[in-house]
Amino acid sequence: MRCLRCSRKVEPTVHTNRGTRVDGYRLHTGKVKLVEAKDNANGPPTYLQLSDPQEFALCVDCFGRTEIREVWLHKYLAVEQIEALKN
C-alpha cells in the first residue's frame, strides 16, 4: 500500500524477538447503510453495515504529524473527508 498523504510505499509490519517495526497504519472505512436486525434479542434492533469498504494507509512519518494523527485516531472519517488529509 502507499501512504495517502505522501504516496511513499508503506512496508509491512515486522515482528522480531526484540520488538516490532511498524511503518504505517491502515484505515478501514467506506459507505454505510442502516440494517434492521432480524433477531434483536441478542443485539441492537438496527446497526450500520459497511456497504462499500475501502482501505487507506498512512505512513509513520505522516502519522507523526499531530494534526493528522488526531483526525486519524479520533474521527470517523467518511471517504470524502479522507481527501482532505492529502497534501
PDB file of N, CA and C in Angstrom:
ATOM      1  N   MET A   1       0.841  -1.171   0.000  1.00  0.00           N
ATOM      2  CA  MET A   1       0.000   0.000   0.000  1.00  0.00           C
ATOM      3  C   MET A   1       0.891   1.241   0.000  1.00  0.00           C
ATOM      4  N   ARG A   2       0.309   2.343  -0.417  1.00  0.00           N
ATOM      5  CA  ARG A   2       1.009   3.625  -0.432  1.00  0.00           C
ATOM      6  C   ARG A   2       0.331   4.588   0.528  1.00  0.00           C
ATOM      7  N   CYS A   3       1.142   5.480   1.090  1.00  0.00           N
ATOM      8  CA  CYS A   3       0.626   6.468   2.032  1.00  0.00           C
ATOM      9  C   CYS A   3      -0.338   7.413   1.321  1.00  0.00           C
ATOM     10  N   LEU A   4      -1.427   7.675   1.960  1.00  0.00           N
ATOM     11  CA  LEU A   4      -2.449   8.577   1.440  1.00  0.00           C
ATOM     12  C   LEU A   4      -1.914   9.987   1.243  1.00  0.00           C
ATOM     13  N   ARG A   5      -1.045  10.450   2.133  1.00  0.00           N
ATOM     14  CA  ARG A   5      -0.553  11.831   2.078  1.00  0.00           C
ATOM     15  C   ARG A   5       0.664  11.999   1.181  1.00  0.00           C
ATOM     16  N   CYS A   6       1.709  11.181   1.394  1.00  0.00           N
ATOM     17  CA  CYS A   6       2.972  11.424   0.685  1.00  0.00           C
ATOM     18  C   CYS A   6       3.235  10.425  -0.435  1.00  0.00           C
ATOM     19  N   SER A   7       2.425   9.405  -0.552  1.00  0.00           N
ATOM     20  CA  SER A   7       2.494   8.383  -1.605  1.00  0.00           C
ATOM     21  C   SER A   7       3.690   7.444  -1.501  1.00  0.00           C
ATOM     22  N   ARG A   8       4.433   7.486  -0.398  1.00  0.00           N
ATOM     23  CA  ARG A   8       5.542   6.536  -0.290  1.00  0.00           C
ATOM     24  C   ARG A   8       4.992   5.164   0.055  1.00  0.00           C
ATOM     25  N   LYS A   9       5.743   4.116  -0.297  1.00  0.00           N
ATOM     26  CA  LYS A   9       5.315   2.753  -0.036  1.00  0.00           C
ATOM     27  C   LYS A   9       5.349   2.494   1.465  1.00  0.00           C
ATOM     28  N   VAL A  10       4.278   1.924   1.989  1.00  0.00           N
ATOM     29  CA  VAL A  10       4.200   1.549   3.399  1.00  0.00           C
ATOM     30  C   VAL A  10       4.557   0.070   3.483  1.00  0.00           C
ATOM     31  N   GLU A  11       5.667  -0.215   4.162  1.00  0.00           N
ATOM     32  CA  GLU A  11       6.149  -1.585   4.297  1.00  0.00           C
ATOM     33  C   GLU A  11       5.327  -2.336   5.340  1.00  0.00           C
ATOM     34  N   PRO A  12       5.261  -3.656   5.229  1.00  0.00           N
ATOM     35  CA  PRO A  12       4.534  -4.441   6.224  1.00  0.00           C
ATOM     36  C   PRO A  12       5.185  -4.346   7.608  1.00  0.00           C
ATOM     37  N   THR A  13       4.415  -4.585   8.635  1.00  0.00           N
ATOM     38  CA  THR A  13       4.936  -4.617   9.999  1.00  0.00           C
ATOM     39  C   THR A  13       5.867  -5.810  10.141  1.00  0.00           C
ATOM     40  N   VAL A  14       7.003  -5.586  10.805  1.00  0.00           N
ATOM     41  CA  VAL A  14       7.990  -6.650  11.017  1.00  0.00           C
ATOM     42  C   VAL A  14       8.036  -6.983  12.510  1.00  0.00           C
ATOM     43  N   HIS A  15       7.839  -8.259  12.833  1.00  0.00           N
ATOM     44  CA  HIS A  15       7.895  -8.738  14.214  1.00  0.00           C
ATOM     45  C   HIS A  15       9.187  -9.521  14.404  1.00  0.00           C
ATOM     46  N   THR A  16       9.937  -9.191  15.447  1.00  0.00           N
ATOM     47  CA  THR A  16      11.153  -9.922  15.787  1.00  0.00           C
ATOM     48  C   THR A  16      11.089 -10.285  17.265  1.00  0.00           C
ATOM     49  N   ASN A  17      12.096 -11.029  17.726  1.00  0.00           N
ATOM     50  CA  ASN A  17      12.103 -11.388  19.148  1.00  0.00           C
ATOM     51  C   ASN A  17      12.493 -10.202  20.031  1.00  0.00           C
ATOM     52  N   ARG A  18      12.948  -9.116  19.422  1.00  0.00           N
ATOM     53  CA  ARG A  18      13.319  -7.916  20.182  1.00  0.00           C
ATOM     54  C   ARG A  18      12.285  -6.791  20.101  1.00  0.00           C
ATOM     55  N   GLY A  19      11.324  -6.931  19.235  1.00  0.00           N
ATOM     56  CA  GLY A  19      10.334  -5.867  19.118  1.00  0.00           C
ATOM     57  C   GLY A  19       9.578  -5.922  17.805  1.00  0.00           C
ATOM     58  N   THR A  20       8.925  -4.834  17.506  1.00  0.00           N
ATOM     59  CA  THR A  20       8.104  -4.718  16.310  1.00  0.00           C
ATOM     60  C   THR A  20       8.428  -3.411  15.614  1.00  0.00           C
ATOM     61  N   ARG A  21       8.533  -3.454  14.277  1.00  0.00           N
ATOM     62  CA  ARG A  21       8.744  -2.232  13.498  1.00  0.00           C
ATOM     63  C   ARG A  21       7.487  -1.992  12.671  1.00  0.00           C
ATOM     64  N   VAL A  22       6.817  -0.888  12.965  1.00  0.00           N
ATOM     65  CA  VAL A  22       5.600  -0.510  12.259  1.00  0.00           C
ATOM     66  C   VAL A  22       5.947   0.620  11.306  1.00  0.00           C
ATOM     67  N   ASP A  23       5.566   0.486  10.041  1.00  0.00           N
ATOM     68  CA  ASP A  23       5.876   1.513   9.049  1.00  0.00           C
ATOM     69  C   ASP A  23       4.643   2.321   8.664  1.00  0.00           C
ATOM     70  N   GLY A  24       3.467   1.858   9.060  1.00  0.00           N
ATOM     71  CA  GLY A  24       2.265   2.599   8.697  1.00  0.00           C
ATOM     72  C   GLY A  24       1.025   2.048   9.375  1.00  0.00           C
ATOM     73  N   TYR A  25      -0.085   2.714   9.123  1.00  0.00           N
ATOM     74  CA  TYR A  25      -1.363   2.373   9.738  1.00  0.00           C
ATOM     75  C   TYR A  25      -2.431   2.322   8.660  1.00  0.00           C
ATOM     76  N   ARG A  26      -3.386   1.421   8.829  1.00  0.00           N
ATOM     77  CA  ARG A  26      -4.484   1.282   7.867  1.00  0.00           C
ATOM     78  C   ARG A  26      -5.778   1.805   8.460  1.00  0.00           C
ATOM     79  N   LEU A  27      -6.561   2.426   7.611  1.00  0.00           N
ATOM     80  CA  LEU A  27      -7.905   2.861   7.981  1.00  0.00           C
ATOM     81  C   LEU A  27      -8.876   2.090   7.098  1.00  0.00           C
ATOM     82  N   HIS A  28      -9.789   1.391   7.719  1.00  0.00           N
ATOM     83  CA  HIS A  28     -10.807   0.615   7.018  1.00  0.00           C
ATOM     84  C   HIS A  28     -12.107   1.388   7.150  1.00  0.00           C
ATOM     85  N   THR A  29     -12.622   1.912   6.057  1.00  0.00           N
ATOM     86  CA  THR A  29     -13.815   2.750   6.098  1.00  0.00           C
ATOM     87  C   THR A  29     -14.615   2.553   4.806  1.00  0.00           C
ATOM     88  N   GLY A  30     -15.595   3.375   4.603  1.00  0.00           N
ATOM     89  CA  GLY A  30     -16.415   3.314   3.402  1.00  0.00           C
ATOM     90  C   GLY A  30     -17.831   3.777   3.680  1.00  0.00           C
ATOM     91  N   LYS A  31     -18.682   3.595   2.712  1.00  0.00           N
ATOM     92  CA  LYS A  31     -20.083   3.972   2.883  1.00  0.00           C
ATOM     93  C   LYS A  31     -20.788   2.935   3.737  1.00  0.00           C
ATOM     94  N   VAL A  32     -21.759   3.402   4.514  1.00  0.00           N
ATOM     95  CA  VAL A  32     -22.516   2.512   5.391  1.00  0.00           C
ATOM     96  C   VAL A  32     -23.998   2.587   5.059  1.00  0.00           C
ATOM     97  N   LYS A  33     -24.707   1.537   5.468  1.00  0.00           N
ATOM     98  CA  LYS A  33     -26.155   1.539   5.320  1.00  0.00           C
ATOM     99  C   LYS A  33     -26.770   1.036   6.614  1.00  0.00           C
ATOM    100  N   LEU A  34     -27.957   1.504   6.911  1.00  0.00           N
ATOM    101  CA  LEU A  34     -28.684   1.111   8.106  1.00  0.00           C
ATOM    102  C   LEU A  34     -29.368  -0.229   7.841  1.00  0.00           C
ATOM    103  N   VAL A  35     -29.148  -1.192   8.733  1.00  0.00           N
ATOM    104  CA  VAL A  35     -29.705  -2.534   8.575  1.00  0.00           C
ATOM    105  C   VAL A  35     -30.542  -2.858   9.798  1.00  0.00           C
ATOM    106  N   GLU A  36     -31.724  -3.436   9.554  1.00  0.00           N
ATOM    107  CA  GLU A  36     -32.573  -3.888  10.652  1.00  0.00           C
ATOM    108  C   GLU A  36     -32.253  -5.336  10.963  1.00  0.00           C
ATOM    109  N   ALA A  37     -32.003  -5.624  12.235  1.00  0.00           N
ATOM    110  CA  ALA A  37     -31.693  -6.988  12.640  1.00  0.00           C
ATOM    111  C   ALA A  37     -32.960  -7.836  12.627  1.00  0.00           C
ATOM    112  N   LYS A  38     -32.837  -9.068  12.184  1.00  0.00           N
ATOM    113  CA  LYS A  38     -33.987  -9.980  12.162  1.00  0.00           C
ATOM    114  C   LYS A  38     -34.309 -10.467  13.575  1.00  0.00           C
ATOM    115  N   ASP A  39     -33.272 -10.737  14.371  1.00  0.00           N
ATOM    116  CA  ASP A  39     -33.456 -11.217  15.738  1.00  0.00           C
ATOM    117  C   ASP A  39     -32.758 -10.243  16.674  1.00  0.00           C
ATOM    118  N   ASN A  40     -33.509  -9.337  17.266  1.00  0.00           N
ATOM    119  CA  ASN A  40     -32.903  -8.311  18.107  1.00  0.00           C
ATOM    120  C   ASN A  40     -32.777  -8.739  19.560  1.00  0.00           C
ATOM    121  N   ALA A  41     -33.033 -10.010  19.877  1.00  0.00           N
ATOM    122  CA  ALA A  41     -32.900 -10.480  21.258  1.00  0.00           C
ATOM    123  C   ALA A  41     -31.438 -10.477  21.697  1.00  0.00           C
ATOM    124  N   ASN A  42     -30.523 -10.651  20.761  1.00  0.00           N
ATOM    125  CA  ASN A  42     -29.111 -10.738  21.099  1.00  0.00           C
ATOM    126  C   ASN A  42     -28.320  -9.499  20.706  1.00  0.00           C
ATOM    127  N   GLY A  43     -28.973  -8.477  20.285  1.00  0.00           N
ATOM    128  CA  GLY A  43     -28.240  -7.289  19.867  1.00  0.00           C
ATOM    129  C   GLY A  43     -29.171  -6.132  19.585  1.00  0.00           C
ATOM    130  N   PRO A  44     -28.615  -5.068  19.020  1.00  0.00           N
ATOM    131  CA  PRO A  44     -29.432  -3.885  18.734  1.00  0.00           C
ATOM    132  C   PRO A  44     -30.421  -4.153  17.592  1.00  0.00           C
ATOM    133  N   PRO A  45     -31.545  -3.451  17.587  1.00  0.00           N
ATOM    134  CA  PRO A  45     -32.553  -3.660  16.533  1.00  0.00           C
ATOM    135  C   PRO A  45     -32.072  -3.171  15.166  1.00  0.00           C
ATOM    136  N   THR A  46     -31.204  -2.182  15.161  1.00  0.00           N
ATOM    137  CA  THR A  46     -30.630  -1.700  13.906  1.00  0.00           C
ATOM    138  C   THR A  46     -29.131  -1.458  14.108  1.00  0.00           C
ATOM    139  N   TYR A  47     -28.387  -1.516  13.020  1.00  0.00           N
ATOM    140  CA  TYR A  47     -26.960  -1.260  13.087  1.00  0.00           C
ATOM    141  C   TYR A  47     -26.481  -0.737  11.735  1.00  0.00           C
ATOM    142  N   LEU A  48     -25.289  -0.162  11.714  1.00  0.00           N
ATOM    143  CA  LEU A  48     -24.690   0.324  10.478  1.00  0.00           C
ATOM    144  C   LEU A  48     -23.793  -0.761   9.897  1.00  0.00           C
ATOM    145  N   GLN A  49     -23.986  -1.052   8.626  1.00  0.00           N
ATOM    146  CA  GLN A  49     -23.189  -2.057   7.945  1.00  0.00           C
ATOM    147  C   GLN A  49     -22.332  -1.378   6.883  1.00  0.00           C
ATOM    148  N   LEU A  50     -21.058  -1.732   6.825  1.00  0.00           N
ATOM    149  CA  LEU A  50     -20.159  -1.188   5.820  1.00  0.00           C
ATOM    150  C   LEU A  50     -20.553  -1.776   4.473  1.00  0.00           C
ATOM    151  N   SER A  51     -21.012  -0.926   3.544  1.00  0.00           N
ATOM    152  CA  SER A  51     -21.525  -1.433   2.270  1.00  0.00           C
ATOM    153  C   SER A  51     -20.538  -1.261   1.121  1.00  0.00           C
ATOM    154  N   ASP A  52     -19.593  -0.350   1.253  1.00  0.00           N
ATOM    155  CA  ASP A  52     -18.611  -0.121   0.192  1.00  0.00           C
ATOM    156  C   ASP A  52     -17.236   0.050   0.843  1.00  0.00           C
ATOM    157  N   PRO A  53     -16.635  -1.064   1.323  1.00  0.00           N
ATOM    158  CA  PRO A  53     -15.395  -0.948   2.087  1.00  0.00           C
ATOM    159  C   PRO A  53     -14.220  -0.438   1.254  1.00  0.00           C
ATOM    160  N   GLN A  54     -13.402   0.399   1.884  1.00  0.00           N
ATOM    161  CA  GLN A  54     -12.184   0.912   1.270  1.00  0.00           C
ATOM    162  C   GLN A  54     -11.110   0.964   2.339  1.00  0.00           C
ATOM    163  N   GLU A  55      -9.869   0.715   1.938  1.00  0.00           N
ATOM    164  CA  GLU A  55      -8.745   0.785   2.856  1.00  0.00           C
ATOM    165  C   GLU A  55      -7.795   1.885   2.426  1.00  0.00           C
ATOM    166  N   PHE A  56      -7.275   2.596   3.421  1.00  0.00           N
ATOM    167  CA  PHE A  56      -6.303   3.657   3.186  1.00  0.00           C
ATOM    168  C   PHE A  56      -5.134   3.426   4.122  1.00  0.00           C
ATOM    169  N   ALA A  57      -3.958   3.839   3.709  1.00  0.00           N
ATOM    170  CA  ALA A  57      -2.762   3.703   4.542  1.00  0.00           C
ATOM    171  C   ALA A  57      -2.173   5.070   4.819  1.00  0.00           C
ATOM    172  N   LEU A  58      -1.502   5.165   5.957  1.00  0.00           N
ATOM    173  CA  LEU A  58      -0.803   6.384   6.350  1.00  0.00           C
ATOM    174  C   LEU A  58       0.547   5.942   6.903  1.00  0.00           C
ATOM    175  N   CYS A  59       1.647   6.484   6.364  1.00  0.00           N
ATOM    176  CA  CYS A  59       2.979   6.098   6.834  1.00  0.00           C
ATOM    177  C   CYS A  59       3.240   6.699   8.214  1.00  0.00           C
ATOM    178  N   VAL A  60       4.259   6.176   8.899  1.00  0.00           N
ATOM    179  CA  VAL A  60       4.562   6.656  10.245  1.00  0.00           C
ATOM    180  C   VAL A  60       5.032   8.112  10.236  1.00  0.00           C
ATOM    181  N   ASP A  61       5.648   8.550   9.154  1.00  0.00           N
ATOM    182  CA  ASP A  61       6.099   9.945   9.077  1.00  0.00           C
ATOM    183  C   ASP A  61       4.915  10.902   9.055  1.00  0.00           C
ATOM    184  N   CYS A  62       3.927  10.623   8.227  1.00  0.00           N
ATOM    185  CA  CYS A  62       2.730  11.475   8.167  1.00  0.00           C
ATOM    186  C   CYS A  62       1.901  11.320   9.434  1.00  0.00           C
ATOM    187  N   PHE A  63       1.837  10.091   9.963  1.00  0.00           N
ATOM    188  CA  PHE A  63       1.101   9.842  11.198  1.00  0.00           C
ATOM    189  C   PHE A  63       1.722  10.600  12.364  1.00  0.00           C
ATOM    190  N   GLY A  64       2.997  10.884  12.295  1.00  0.00           N
ATOM    191  CA  GLY A  64       3.685  11.623  13.340  1.00  0.00           C
ATOM    192  C   GLY A  64       3.263  13.068  13.460  1.00  0.00           C
ATOM    193  N   ARG A  65       2.626  13.601  12.438  1.00  0.00           N
ATOM    194  CA  ARG A  65       2.139  14.985  12.493  1.00  0.00           C
ATOM    195  C   ARG A  65       0.889  15.026  13.375  1.00  0.00           C
ATOM    196  N   THR A  66       0.909  15.843  14.402  1.00  0.00           N
ATOM    197  CA  THR A  66      -0.156  15.889  15.402  1.00  0.00           C
ATOM    198  C   THR A  66      -1.528  16.115  14.781  1.00  0.00           C
ATOM    199  N   GLU A  67      -1.637  17.070  13.868  1.00  0.00           N
ATOM    200  CA  GLU A  67      -2.951  17.391  13.298  1.00  0.00           C
ATOM    201  C   GLU A  67      -3.517  16.233  12.476  1.00  0.00           C
ATOM    202  N   ILE A  68      -2.649  15.461  11.830  1.00  0.00           N
ATOM    203  CA  ILE A  68      -3.104  14.306  11.053  1.00  0.00           C
ATOM    204  C   ILE A  68      -3.469  13.163  11.991  1.00  0.00           C
ATOM    205  N   ARG A  69      -2.632  12.905  12.968  1.00  0.00           N
ATOM    206  CA  ARG A  69      -2.875  11.812  13.916  1.00  0.00           C
ATOM    207  C   ARG A  69      -4.191  12.012  14.658  1.00  0.00           C
ATOM    208  N   GLU A  70      -4.477  13.232  15.090  1.00  0.00           N
ATOM    209  CA  GLU A  70      -5.717  13.497  15.823  1.00  0.00           C
ATOM    210  C   GLU A  70      -6.947  13.186  14.973  1.00  0.00           C
ATOM    211  N   VAL A  71      -6.920  13.574  13.722  1.00  0.00           N
ATOM    212  CA  VAL A  71      -8.046  13.275  12.829  1.00  0.00           C
ATOM    213  C   VAL A  71      -8.141  11.777  12.591  1.00  0.00           C
ATOM    214  N   TRP A  72      -7.014  11.134  12.331  1.00  0.00           N
ATOM    215  CA  TRP A  72      -6.971   9.703  12.012  1.00  0.00           C
ATOM    216  C   TRP A  72      -7.481   8.861  13.175  1.00  0.00           C
ATOM    217  N   LEU A  73      -7.135   9.236  14.404  1.00  0.00           N
ATOM    218  CA  LEU A  73      -7.483   8.423  15.565  1.00  0.00           C
ATOM    219  C   LEU A  73      -8.827   8.757  16.195  1.00  0.00           C
ATOM    220  N   HIS A  74      -9.288   9.995  16.068  1.00  0.00           N
ATOM    221  CA  HIS A  74     -10.436  10.420  16.861  1.00  0.00           C
ATOM    222  C   HIS A  74     -11.671  10.825  16.065  1.00  0.00           C
ATOM    223  N   LYS A  75     -11.636  10.652  14.790  1.00  0.00           N
ATOM    224  CA  LYS A  75     -12.798  10.983  13.962  1.00  0.00           C
ATOM    225  C   LYS A  75     -13.222   9.743  13.181  1.00  0.00           C
ATOM    226  N   TYR A  76     -14.498   9.656  12.890  1.00  0.00           N
ATOM    227  CA  TYR A  76     -14.981   8.621  11.995  1.00  0.00           C
ATOM    228  C   TYR A  76     -14.998   9.241  10.605  1.00  0.00           C
ATOM    229  N   LEU A  77     -13.988   8.913   9.819  1.00  0.00           N
ATOM    230  CA  LEU A  77     -13.807   9.574   8.535  1.00  0.00           C
ATOM    231  C   LEU A  77     -14.656   8.941   7.442  1.00  0.00           C
ATOM    232  N   ALA A  78     -15.390   9.775   6.739  1.00  0.00           N
ATOM    233  CA  ALA A  78     -16.074   9.338   5.534  1.00  0.00           C
ATOM    234  C   ALA A  78     -15.066   9.404   4.394  1.00  0.00           C
ATOM    235  N   VAL A  79     -15.329   8.681   3.342  1.00  0.00           N
ATOM    236  CA  VAL A  79     -14.416   8.640   2.208  1.00  0.00           C
ATOM    237  C   VAL A  79     -14.144  10.049   1.685  1.00  0.00           C
ATOM    238  N   GLU A  80     -15.152  10.889   1.669  1.00  0.00           N
ATOM    239  CA  GLU A  80     -14.980  12.260   1.180  1.00  0.00           C
ATOM    240  C   GLU A  80     -14.034  13.053   2.083  1.00  0.00           C
ATOM    241  N   GLN A  81     -14.081  12.820   3.380  1.00  0.00           N
ATOM    242  CA  GLN A  81     -13.237  13.533   4.325  1.00  0.00           C
ATOM    243  C   GLN A  81     -11.773  13.112   4.221  1.00  0.00           C
ATOM    244  N   ILE A  82     -11.528  11.920   3.761  1.00  0.00           N
ATOM    245  CA  ILE A  82     -10.170  11.430   3.631  1.00  0.00           C
ATOM    246  C   ILE A  82      -9.405  12.236   2.596  1.00  0.00           C
ATOM    247  N   GLU A  83     -10.080  12.721   1.579  1.00  0.00           N
ATOM    248  CA  GLU A  83      -9.442  13.537   0.562  1.00  0.00           C
ATOM    249  C   GLU A  83      -8.792  14.771   1.172  1.00  0.00           C
ATOM    250  N   ALA A  84      -9.347  15.295   2.261  1.00  0.00           N
ATOM    251  CA  ALA A  84      -8.808  16.485   2.901  1.00  0.00           C
ATOM    252  C   ALA A  84      -7.475  16.209   3.590  1.00  0.00           C
ATOM    253  N   LEU A  85      -7.149  14.947   3.869  1.00  0.00           N
ATOM    254  CA  LEU A  85      -5.881  14.604   4.513  1.00  0.00           C
ATOM    255  C   LEU A  85      -4.712  14.629   3.523  1.00  0.00           C
ATOM    256  N   LYS A  86      -5.025  14.565   2.249  1.00  0.00           N
ATOM    257  CA  LYS A  86      -3.956  14.548   1.242  1.00  0.00           C
ATOM    258  C   LYS A  86      -3.249  15.889   1.207  1.00  0.00           C
ATOM    259  N   ASN A  87      -1.985  15.864   0.780  1.00  0.00           N
ATOM    260  CA  ASN A  87      -1.191  17.098   0.676  1.00  0.00           C
ATOM    261  C   ASN A  87      -1.865  18.147  -0.180  1.00  0.00           C
TER     262      ASN A  87
END
